[in-house]
Amino acid sequence: MATNVKYLCVHVFCQTKPGTADAFREASLRNARQSAQEPGVARFDVLQDREDPNAFCLVEVYRTPEAPAAHKETAHYLEWRDTVADFMAEPRKARKFDGLFPATGEGWDYAADATLE
């Protein structure tokens, strides 16, 4: 039987300046591919608003309470942060949630054969 887990889900809302969405998206995808391979990260999704192409949401799902701090010390995060700083129309906003469903790690984690491209 699978063990119930309570993963930390962080939604980071980003509003980019007009003309920077493509560069922000590419930098965020590079960061996400590497972030998804961190031991403390169950998922790392990059979402772009369908109506406002300058609006993004990063959905970061962490396995442990310590994982977000470890993520922010990685070279790929620091590179992303510095790269996108000038693209931001306003400061990033983050909201933290407890994951209630799925209640097991298997529901959040990428499949073993997932291609993170």
Protein backbone atom coordinates (compact mmCIF):
# COMPACT_ATOMS: atom_id res chain seq x y z
CA MET A 1 0.00 0.00 0.00
CA ALA A 2 1.29 3.45 -0.90
CA THR A 3 2.14 5.87 1.87
CA ASN A 4 0.17 9.10 2.10
CA VAL A 5 2.32 12.17 1.56
CA LYS A 6 1.70 15.88 1.86
CA TYR A 7 3.82 17.51 -0.79
CA LEU A 8 4.36 21.27 -0.79
CA CYS A 9 2.96 22.85 -3.96
CA VAL A 10 4.20 26.33 -4.81
CA HIS A 11 2.51 28.35 -7.55
CA VAL A 12 4.74 31.19 -8.74
CA PHE A 13 2.92 33.82 -10.79
CA CYS A 14 5.06 35.78 -13.25
CA GLN A 15 4.03 38.72 -15.42
CA THR A 16 6.57 39.55 -18.10
CA LYS A 17 7.12 42.77 -20.00
CA PRO A 18 5.74 42.87 -23.55
CA GLY A 19 8.25 41.41 -25.97
CA THR A 20 9.99 39.20 -23.40
CA ALA A 21 7.59 36.24 -23.17
CA ASP A 22 9.52 34.03 -25.60
CA ALA A 23 12.83 34.57 -23.80
CA PHE A 24 11.17 34.05 -20.41
CA ARG A 25 9.53 30.83 -21.62
CA GLU A 26 12.82 29.43 -22.97
CA ALA A 27 14.74 30.29 -19.78
CA SER A 28 11.96 28.81 -17.65
CA LEU A 29 11.84 25.59 -19.67
CA ARG A 30 15.64 25.18 -19.30
CA ASN A 31 15.31 25.68 -15.55
CA ALA A 32 12.31 23.34 -15.29
CA ARG A 33 14.07 20.49 -17.09
CA GLN A 34 16.92 20.61 -14.59
CA SER A 35 14.69 21.31 -11.59
CA ALA A 36 12.56 18.24 -12.35
CA GLN A 37 15.68 16.10 -11.84
CA GLU A 38 16.39 17.39 -8.33
CA PRO A 39 15.82 14.72 -5.65
CA GLY A 40 13.45 16.97 -3.69
CA VAL A 41 11.29 17.92 -6.68
CA ALA A 42 8.30 15.75 -7.63
CA ARG A 43 7.09 18.04 -10.44
CA PHE A 44 8.05 21.34 -12.00
CA ASP A 45 5.55 22.64 -14.54
CA VAL A 46 5.70 25.80 -16.66
CA LEU A 47 2.30 27.18 -17.68
CA GLN A 48 1.55 30.09 -20.02
CA ASP A 49 -1.79 31.91 -19.89
CA ARG A 50 -3.94 31.33 -22.98
CA GLU A 51 -5.35 34.87 -22.97
CA ASP A 52 -2.31 36.83 -21.81
CA PRO A 53 0.92 35.45 -23.31
CA ASN A 54 2.95 37.56 -20.87
CA ALA A 55 1.46 35.74 -17.85
CA PHE A 56 3.04 32.53 -16.58
CA CYS A 57 2.58 30.21 -13.63
CA LEU A 58 5.32 27.90 -12.41
CA VAL A 59 3.94 24.94 -10.47
CA GLU A 60 6.64 23.52 -8.23
CA VAL A 61 5.86 20.37 -6.22
CA TYR A 62 8.37 19.50 -3.49
CA ARG A 63 8.75 16.23 -1.61
CA THR A 64 10.11 17.74 1.61
CA PRO A 65 9.91 21.06 3.47
CA GLU A 66 13.66 21.54 2.88
CA ALA A 67 13.52 21.03 -0.89
CA PRO A 68 12.52 24.61 -1.88
CA ALA A 69 15.57 26.07 -0.12
CA ALA A 70 17.83 23.47 -1.76
CA HIS A 71 16.30 24.30 -5.15
CA LYS A 72 17.10 27.99 -4.70
CA GLU A 73 20.78 27.13 -4.20
CA THR A 74 21.18 25.27 -7.50
CA ALA A 75 23.18 26.75 -10.35
CA HIS A 76 20.26 26.40 -12.78
CA TYR A 77 17.87 28.30 -10.48
CA LEU A 78 20.40 31.10 -9.90
CA GLU A 79 20.98 31.36 -13.66
CA TRP A 80 17.21 31.46 -14.31
CA ARG A 81 16.66 34.12 -11.61
CA ASP A 82 19.37 36.36 -13.05
CA THR A 83 18.30 35.77 -16.66
CA VAL A 84 14.62 36.62 -16.15
CA ALA A 85 15.07 39.54 -13.74
CA ASP A 86 14.85 42.16 -16.50
CA PHE A 87 11.88 40.41 -18.15
CA MET A 88 9.59 40.88 -15.16
CA ALA A 89 6.86 43.54 -15.38
CA GLU A 90 6.30 43.19 -11.63
CA PRO A 91 7.76 41.11 -8.79
CA ARG A 92 6.95 37.39 -8.86
CA LYS A 93 4.19 36.31 -6.49
CA ALA A 94 4.17 32.90 -4.85
CA ARG A 95 1.40 30.99 -3.08
CA LYS A 96 2.07 27.82 -1.11
CA PHE A 97 -0.38 24.93 -0.95
CA ASP A 98 -0.49 21.52 0.71
CA GLY A 99 -1.12 18.81 -1.84
CA LEU A 100 -4.25 16.89 -0.87
CA PHE A 101 -4.76 14.78 -3.98
CA PRO A 102 -3.16 12.69 -5.20
CA ALA A 103 -2.34 11.51 -1.70
CA THR A 104 0.64 9.38 -2.72
CA GLY A 105 3.95 10.28 -4.29
CA GLU A 106 3.19 8.15 -7.32
CA GLY A 107 0.43 10.55 -8.33
CA TRP A 108 2.76 13.57 -8.45
CA ASP A 109 6.01 12.16 -9.73
CA TYR A 110 6.89 11.99 -13.39
CA ALA A 111 6.64 8.52 -14.89
CA ALA A 112 9.94 6.65 -14.90
CA ASP A 113 10.00 6.78 -18.71
CA ALA A 114 8.98 10.46 -18.99
CA THR A 115 10.99 12.57 -21.41
CA LEU A 116 11.72 15.96 -19.84
CA GLU A 117 12.25 17.93 -23.04
